[in-house]
Amino acid sequence: MSTSRAINEQAMRDTCKNSAAMAFGERSKHVLVLPVERVDDGYLVYGQYPEDGPDVTTFTCKFNEKGIFRHVRRN
């Protein structure tokens, strides 16, 4: 994996975490995001809040093929 790709993936994860926290009224430290996944038309980042427990809410962040944030949606 190249360094620039790793930096972009970390930026996508950070953007997803912060966007989800703002969208769902959570503190970012309580939001968990998983590794970036490549899909046909861009990238997805799956996540949840709180980080653990019996009652978690899941969400998905979508990025375009250039890694630009598109939206976050609760699942």
PDB file of N, CA and C in Angstrom:
ATOM      1  N   MET A   1       0.855  -1.183   0.000  1.00  0.00           N
ATOM      2  CA  MET A   1       0.000   0.000   0.000  1.00  0.00           C
ATOM      3  C   MET A   1       0.888   1.229   0.000  1.00  0.00           C
ATOM      4  N   SER A   2       0.579   2.155  -0.862  1.00  0.00           N
ATOM      5  CA  SER A   2       1.391   3.361  -0.926  1.00  0.00           C
ATOM      6  C   SER A   2       1.046   4.299   0.223  1.00  0.00           C
ATOM      7  N   THR A   3       1.975   5.179   0.539  1.00  0.00           N
ATOM      8  CA  THR A   3       1.775   6.123   1.627  1.00  0.00           C
ATOM      9  C   THR A   3       0.595   7.047   1.354  1.00  0.00           C
ATOM     10  N   SER A   4       0.475   7.553   0.117  1.00  0.00           N
ATOM     11  CA  SER A   4      -0.619   8.472  -0.181  1.00  0.00           C
ATOM     12  C   SER A   4      -1.968   7.790  -0.031  1.00  0.00           C
ATOM     13  N   ARG A   5      -2.062   6.546  -0.401  1.00  0.00           N
ATOM     14  CA  ARG A   5      -3.321   5.811  -0.247  1.00  0.00           C
ATOM     15  C   ARG A   5      -3.656   5.665   1.235  1.00  0.00           C
ATOM     16  N   ALA A   6      -2.675   5.328   2.056  1.00  0.00           N
ATOM     17  CA  ALA A   6      -2.910   5.174   3.486  1.00  0.00           C
ATOM     18  C   ALA A   6      -3.368   6.503   4.096  1.00  0.00           C
ATOM     19  N   ILE A   7      -2.765   7.590   3.684  1.00  0.00           N
ATOM     20  CA  ILE A   7      -3.158   8.914   4.192  1.00  0.00           C
ATOM     21  C   ILE A   7      -4.595   9.222   3.771  1.00  0.00           C
ATOM     22  N   ASN A   8      -4.943   8.949   2.524  1.00  0.00           N
ATOM     23  CA  ASN A   8      -6.296   9.194   2.052  1.00  0.00           C
ATOM     24  C   ASN A   8      -7.314   8.338   2.803  1.00  0.00           C
ATOM     25  N   GLU A   9      -6.984   7.083   3.052  1.00  0.00           N
ATOM     26  CA  GLU A   9      -7.909   6.216   3.774  1.00  0.00           C
ATOM     27  C   GLU A   9      -8.089   6.702   5.208  1.00  0.00           C
ATOM     28  N   GLN A  10      -7.031   7.147   5.843  1.00  0.00           N
ATOM     29  CA  GLN A  10      -7.159   7.674   7.201  1.00  0.00           C
ATOM     30  C   GLN A  10      -8.011   8.941   7.196  1.00  0.00           C
ATOM     31  N   ALA A  11      -7.807   9.780   6.190  1.00  0.00           N
ATOM     32  CA  ALA A  11      -8.615  10.999   6.079  1.00  0.00           C
ATOM     33  C   ALA A  11     -10.086  10.651   5.877  1.00  0.00           C
ATOM     34  N   MET A  12     -10.378   9.632   5.068  1.00  0.00           N
ATOM     35  CA  MET A  12     -11.765   9.210   4.862  1.00  0.00           C
ATOM     36  C   MET A  12     -12.373   8.693   6.160  1.00  0.00           C
ATOM     37  N   ARG A  13     -11.613   7.907   6.910  1.00  0.00           N
ATOM     38  CA  ARG A  13     -12.112   7.393   8.188  1.00  0.00           C
ATOM     39  C   ARG A  13     -12.377   8.534   9.171  1.00  0.00           C
ATOM     40  N   ASP A  14     -11.465   9.496   9.227  1.00  0.00           N
ATOM     41  CA  ASP A  14     -11.646  10.646  10.123  1.00  0.00           C
ATOM     42  C   ASP A  14     -12.858  11.478   9.711  1.00  0.00           C
ATOM     43  N   THR A  15     -13.007  11.714   8.416  1.00  0.00           N
ATOM     44  CA  THR A  15     -14.151  12.470   7.918  1.00  0.00           C
ATOM     45  C   THR A  15     -15.448  11.752   8.243  1.00  0.00           C
ATOM     46  N   CYS A  16     -15.466  10.451   8.051  1.00  0.00           N
ATOM     47  CA  CYS A  16     -16.662   9.663   8.350  1.00  0.00           C
ATOM     48  C   CYS A  16     -17.012   9.750   9.832  1.00  0.00           C
ATOM     49  N   LYS A  17     -16.025   9.552  10.669  1.00  0.00           N
ATOM     50  CA  LYS A  17     -16.249   9.591  12.123  1.00  0.00           C
ATOM     51  C   LYS A  17     -16.807  10.944  12.566  1.00  0.00           C
ATOM     52  N   ASN A  18     -16.198  12.012  12.103  1.00  0.00           N
ATOM     53  CA  ASN A  18     -16.640  13.353  12.489  1.00  0.00           C
ATOM     54  C   ASN A  18     -18.001  13.699  11.895  1.00  0.00           C
ATOM     55  N   SER A  19     -18.245  13.288  10.659  1.00  0.00           N
ATOM     56  CA  SER A  19     -19.534  13.561  10.022  1.00  0.00           C
ATOM     57  C   SER A  19     -20.659  12.803  10.719  1.00  0.00           C
ATOM     58  N   ALA A  20     -20.404  11.560  11.083  1.00  0.00           N
ATOM     59  CA  ALA A  20     -21.410  10.771  11.788  1.00  0.00           C
ATOM     60  C   ALA A  20     -21.698  11.373  13.158  1.00  0.00           C
ATOM     61  N   ALA A  21     -20.660  11.776  13.856  1.00  0.00           N
ATOM     62  CA  ALA A  21     -20.847  12.377  15.182  1.00  0.00           C
ATOM     63  C   ALA A  21     -21.726  13.622  15.079  1.00  0.00           C
ATOM     64  N   MET A  22     -21.458  14.466  14.095  1.00  0.00           N
ATOM     65  CA  MET A  22     -22.264  15.685  13.926  1.00  0.00           C
ATOM     66  C   MET A  22     -23.687  15.350  13.484  1.00  0.00           C
ATOM     67  N   ALA A  23     -23.830  14.441  12.530  1.00  0.00           N
ATOM     68  CA  ALA A  23     -25.149  14.116  11.986  1.00  0.00           C
ATOM     69  C   ALA A  23     -26.061  13.463  13.016  1.00  0.00           C
ATOM     70  N   PHE A  24     -25.476  12.671  13.911  1.00  0.00           N
ATOM     71  CA  PHE A  24     -26.296  11.883  14.831  1.00  0.00           C
ATOM     72  C   PHE A  24     -26.216  12.372  16.273  1.00  0.00           C
ATOM     73  N   GLY A  25     -25.580  13.528  16.490  1.00  0.00           N
ATOM     74  CA  GLY A  25     -25.532  14.103  17.824  1.00  0.00           C
ATOM     75  C   GLY A  25     -24.731  13.299  18.828  1.00  0.00           C
ATOM     76  N   GLU A  26     -23.653  12.696  18.367  1.00  0.00           N
ATOM     77  CA  GLU A  26     -22.785  11.883  19.221  1.00  0.00           C
ATOM     78  C   GLU A  26     -21.440  12.565  19.387  1.00  0.00           C
ATOM     79  N   ARG A  27     -20.722  12.197  20.408  1.00  0.00           N
ATOM     80  CA  ARG A  27     -19.336  12.656  20.544  1.00  0.00           C
ATOM     81  C   ARG A  27     -18.466  11.728  19.706  1.00  0.00           C
ATOM     82  N   SER A  28     -17.514  12.290  18.976  1.00  0.00           N
ATOM     83  CA  SER A  28     -16.709  11.471  18.066  1.00  0.00           C
ATOM     84  C   SER A  28     -15.954  10.364  18.788  1.00  0.00           C
ATOM     85  N   LYS A  29     -15.636  10.573  20.064  1.00  0.00           N
ATOM     86  CA  LYS A  29     -14.921   9.513  20.798  1.00  0.00           C
ATOM     87  C   LYS A  29     -15.804   8.286  21.049  1.00  0.00           C
ATOM     88  N   HIS A  30     -17.107   8.408  20.840  1.00  0.00           N
ATOM     89  CA  HIS A  30     -18.028   7.282  21.015  1.00  0.00           C
ATOM     90  C   HIS A  30     -18.401   6.622  19.692  1.00  0.00           C
ATOM     91  N   VAL A  31     -17.792   7.092  18.599  1.00  0.00           N
ATOM     92  CA  VAL A  31     -18.091   6.577  17.260  1.00  0.00           C
ATOM     93  C   VAL A  31     -16.943   5.680  16.807  1.00  0.00           C
ATOM     94  N   LEU A  32     -17.289   4.496  16.329  1.00  0.00           N
ATOM     95  CA  LEU A  32     -16.312   3.531  15.811  1.00  0.00           C
ATOM     96  C   LEU A  32     -16.462   3.445  14.301  1.00  0.00           C
ATOM     97  N   VAL A  33     -15.361   3.550  13.568  1.00  0.00           N
ATOM     98  CA  VAL A  33     -15.387   3.345  12.122  1.00  0.00           C
ATOM     99  C   VAL A  33     -14.443   2.206  11.756  1.00  0.00           C
ATOM    100  N   LEU A  34     -14.833   1.461  10.741  1.00  0.00           N
ATOM    101  CA  LEU A  34     -14.065   0.319  10.257  1.00  0.00           C
ATOM    102  C   LEU A  34     -13.182   0.750   9.090  1.00  0.00           C
ATOM    103  N   PRO A  35     -12.305  -0.139   8.620  1.00  0.00           N
ATOM    104  CA  PRO A  35     -11.437   0.213   7.485  1.00  0.00           C
ATOM    105  C   PRO A  35     -12.239   0.566   6.231  1.00  0.00           C
ATOM    106  N   VAL A  36     -11.627   1.359   5.379  1.00  0.00           N
ATOM    107  CA  VAL A  36     -12.221   1.787   4.115  1.00  0.00           C
ATOM    108  C   VAL A  36     -12.354   0.582   3.192  1.00  0.00           C
ATOM    109  N   GLU A  37     -13.499   0.486   2.520  1.00  0.00           N
ATOM    110  CA  GLU A  37     -13.726  -0.576   1.538  1.00  0.00           C
ATOM    111  C   GLU A  37     -13.927   0.034   0.165  1.00  0.00           C
ATOM    112  N   ARG A  38     -13.244  -0.534  -0.813  1.00  0.00           N
ATOM    113  CA  ARG A  38     -13.386  -0.082  -2.205  1.00  0.00           C
ATOM    114  C   ARG A  38     -14.630  -0.724  -2.795  1.00  0.00           C
ATOM    115  N   VAL A  39     -15.463   0.064  -3.456  1.00  0.00           N
ATOM    116  CA  VAL A  39     -16.625  -0.438  -4.185  1.00  0.00           C
ATOM    117  C   VAL A  39     -16.542   0.090  -5.614  1.00  0.00           C
ATOM    118  N   ASP A  40     -17.416  -0.390  -6.481  1.00  0.00           N
ATOM    119  CA  ASP A  40     -17.334  -0.040  -7.905  1.00  0.00           C
ATOM    120  C   ASP A  40     -17.254   1.454  -8.171  1.00  0.00           C
ATOM    121  N   ASP A  41     -18.069   2.234  -7.477  1.00  0.00           N
ATOM    122  CA  ASP A  41     -18.142   3.656  -7.791  1.00  0.00           C
ATOM    123  C   ASP A  41     -17.517   4.550  -6.722  1.00  0.00           C
ATOM    124  N   GLY A  42     -16.651   3.997  -5.896  1.00  0.00           N
ATOM    125  CA  GLY A  42     -15.998   4.807  -4.870  1.00  0.00           C
ATOM    126  C   GLY A  42     -15.570   3.988  -3.665  1.00  0.00           C
ATOM    127  N   TYR A  43     -15.862   4.547  -2.488  1.00  0.00           N
ATOM    128  CA  TYR A  43     -15.443   3.921  -1.237  1.00  0.00           C
ATOM    129  C   TYR A  43     -16.567   3.995  -0.211  1.00  0.00           C
ATOM    130  N   LEU A  44     -16.604   3.010   0.674  1.00  0.00           N
ATOM    131  CA  LEU A  44     -17.532   2.998   1.797  1.00  0.00           C
ATOM    132  C   LEU A  44     -16.752   2.853   3.087  1.00  0.00           C
ATOM    133  N   VAL A  45     -17.274   3.482   4.137  1.00  0.00           N
ATOM    134  CA  VAL A  45     -16.752   3.281   5.480  1.00  0.00           C
ATOM    135  C   VAL A  45     -17.964   2.959   6.350  1.00  0.00           C
ATOM    136  N   TYR A  46     -17.923   1.799   6.990  1.00  0.00           N
ATOM    137  CA  TYR A  46     -18.992   1.399   7.896  1.00  0.00           C
ATOM    138  C   TYR A  46     -18.611   1.787   9.311  1.00  0.00           C
ATOM    139  N   GLY A  47     -19.616   2.091  10.115  1.00  0.00           N
ATOM    140  CA  GLY A  47     -19.343   2.459  11.488  1.00  0.00           C
ATOM    141  C   GLY A  47     -20.540   2.238  12.377  1.00  0.00           C
ATOM    142  N   GLN A  48     -20.344   2.538  13.653  1.00  0.00           N
ATOM    143  CA  GLN A  48     -21.420   2.401  14.627  1.00  0.00           C
ATOM    144  C   GLN A  48     -21.164   3.292  15.824  1.00  0.00           C
ATOM    145  N   TYR A  49     -22.222   3.528  16.576  1.00  0.00           N
ATOM    146  CA  TYR A  49     -22.120   4.211  17.859  1.00  0.00           C
ATOM    147  C   TYR A  49     -23.172   3.628  18.772  1.00  0.00           C
ATOM    148  N   PRO A  50     -22.911   3.484  20.048  1.00  0.00           N
ATOM    149  CA  PRO A  50     -21.590   3.621  20.651  1.00  0.00           C
ATOM    150  C   PRO A  50     -20.645   2.540  20.126  1.00  0.00           C
ATOM    151  N   GLU A  51     -19.408   2.574  20.612  1.00  0.00           N
ATOM    152  CA  GLU A  51     -18.401   1.634  20.110  1.00  0.00           C
ATOM    153  C   GLU A  51     -18.746   0.182  20.399  1.00  0.00           C
ATOM    154  N   ASP A  52     -19.437  -0.066  21.502  1.00  0.00           N
ATOM    155  CA  ASP A  52     -19.822  -1.432  21.844  1.00  0.00           C
ATOM    156  C   ASP A  52     -21.080  -1.408  22.695  1.00  0.00           C
ATOM    157  N   GLY A  53     -21.567  -2.593  23.015  1.00  0.00           N
ATOM    158  CA  GLY A  53     -22.764  -2.701  23.837  1.00  0.00           C
ATOM    159  C   GLY A  53     -23.898  -3.362  23.078  1.00  0.00           C
ATOM    160  N   PRO A  54     -25.005  -3.588  23.763  1.00  0.00           N
ATOM    161  CA  PRO A  54     -26.114  -4.316  23.157  1.00  0.00           C
ATOM    162  C   PRO A  54     -26.995  -3.468  22.233  1.00  0.00           C
ATOM    163  N   ASP A  55     -26.895  -2.152  22.318  1.00  0.00           N
ATOM    164  CA  ASP A  55     -27.793  -1.285  21.563  1.00  0.00           C
ATOM    165  C   ASP A  55     -26.996  -0.308  20.706  1.00  0.00           C
ATOM    166  N   VAL A  56     -26.420  -0.821  19.611  1.00  0.00           N
ATOM    167  CA  VAL A  56     -25.625   0.042  18.738  1.00  0.00           C
ATOM    168  C   VAL A  56     -26.432   0.458  17.518  1.00  0.00           C
ATOM    169  N   THR A  57     -26.092   1.592  16.971  1.00  0.00           N
ATOM    170  CA  THR A  57     -26.678   2.085  15.725  1.00  0.00           C
ATOM    171  C   THR A  57     -25.574   2.077  14.684  1.00  0.00           C
ATOM    172  N   THR A  58     -25.858   1.494  13.515  1.00  0.00           N
ATOM    173  CA  THR A  58     -24.845   1.414  12.466  1.00  0.00           C
ATOM    174  C   THR A  58     -25.120   2.471  11.405  1.00  0.00           C
ATOM    175  N   PHE A  59     -24.061   2.827  10.678  1.00  0.00           N
ATOM    176  CA  PHE A  59     -24.159   3.820   9.614  1.00  0.00           C
ATOM    177  C   PHE A  59     -23.128   3.528   8.545  1.00  0.00           C
ATOM    178  N   THR A  60     -23.299   4.177   7.406  1.00  0.00           N
ATOM    179  CA  THR A  60     -22.377   4.037   6.280  1.00  0.00           C
ATOM    180  C   THR A  60     -22.031   5.410   5.735  1.00  0.00           C
ATOM    181  N   CYS A  61     -20.749   5.637   5.491  1.00  0.00           N
ATOM    182  CA  CYS A  61     -20.285   6.848   4.825  1.00  0.00           C
ATOM    183  C   CYS A  61     -19.902   6.486   3.397  1.00  0.00           C
ATOM    184  N   LYS A  62     -20.283   7.338   2.464  1.00  0.00           N
ATOM    185  CA  LYS A  62     -19.985   7.127   1.054  1.00  0.00           C
ATOM    186  C   LYS A  62     -19.027   8.205   0.569  1.00  0.00           C
ATOM    187  N   PHE A  63     -18.015   7.776  -0.181  1.00  0.00           N
ATOM    188  CA  PHE A  63     -17.035   8.661  -0.806  1.00  0.00           C
ATOM    189  C   PHE A  63     -16.986   8.329  -2.291  1.00  0.00           C
ATOM    190  N   ASN A  64     -16.707   9.325  -3.119  1.00  0.00           N
ATOM    191  CA  ASN A  64     -16.618   9.051  -4.554  1.00  0.00           C
ATOM    192  C   ASN A  64     -15.277   8.389  -4.879  1.00  0.00           C
ATOM    193  N   GLU A  65     -15.032   8.173  -6.159  1.00  0.00           N
ATOM    194  CA  GLU A  65     -13.821   7.467  -6.586  1.00  0.00           C
ATOM    195  C   GLU A  65     -12.543   8.235  -6.291  1.00  0.00           C
ATOM    196  N   LYS A  66     -12.657   9.549  -6.038  1.00  0.00           N
ATOM    197  CA  LYS A  66     -11.486  10.356  -5.686  1.00  0.00           C
ATOM    198  C   LYS A  66     -11.336  10.518  -4.180  1.00  0.00           C
ATOM    199  N   GLY A  67     -12.217   9.870  -3.414  1.00  0.00           N
ATOM    200  CA  GLY A  67     -12.144   9.949  -1.966  1.00  0.00           C
ATOM    201  C   GLY A  67     -12.837  11.165  -1.373  1.00  0.00           C
ATOM    202  N   ILE A  68     -13.691  11.815  -2.175  1.00  0.00           N
ATOM    203  CA  ILE A  68     -14.416  12.995  -1.697  1.00  0.00           C
ATOM    204  C   ILE A  68     -15.710  12.555  -1.030  1.00  0.00           C
ATOM    205  N   PHE A  69     -15.950  13.047   0.176  1.00  0.00           N
ATOM    206  CA  PHE A  69     -17.119  12.684   0.975  1.00  0.00           C
ATOM    207  C   PHE A  69     -18.410  13.050   0.249  1.00  0.00           C
ATOM    208  N   ARG A  70     -19.367  12.112   0.266  1.00  0.00           N
ATOM    209  CA  ARG A  70     -20.677  12.334  -0.335  1.00  0.00           C
ATOM    210  C   ARG A  70     -21.773  12.433   0.715  1.00  0.00           C
ATOM    211  N   HIS A  71     -21.876  11.440   1.611  1.00  0.00           N
ATOM    212  CA  HIS A  71     -22.916  11.462   2.636  1.00  0.00           C
ATOM    213  C   HIS A  71     -22.665  10.401   3.700  1.00  0.00           C
ATOM    214  N   VAL A  72     -23.380  10.564   4.802  1.00  0.00           N
ATOM    215  CA  VAL A  72     -23.429   9.551   5.855  1.00  0.00           C
ATOM    216  C   VAL A  72     -24.900   9.221   6.066  1.00  0.00           C
ATOM    217  N   ARG A  73     -25.198   7.926   6.150  1.00  0.00           N
ATOM    218  CA  ARG A  73     -26.581   7.482   6.339  1.00  0.00           C
ATOM    219  C   ARG A  73     -26.642   6.402   7.423  1.00  0.00           C
ATOM    220  N   ARG A  74     -27.638   6.574   8.262  1.00  0.00           N
ATOM    221  CA  ARG A  74     -27.896   5.550   9.274  1.00  0.00           C
ATOM    222  C   ARG A  74     -28.461   4.333   8.571  1.00  0.00           C
ATOM    223  N   ASN A  75     -28.027   3.162   9.001  1.00  0.00           N
ATOM    224  CA  ASN A  75     -28.527   1.900   8.381  1.00  0.00           C
ATOM    225  C   ASN A  75     -29.834   1.478   8.994  1.00  0.00           C
TER     226      ASN A  75
END
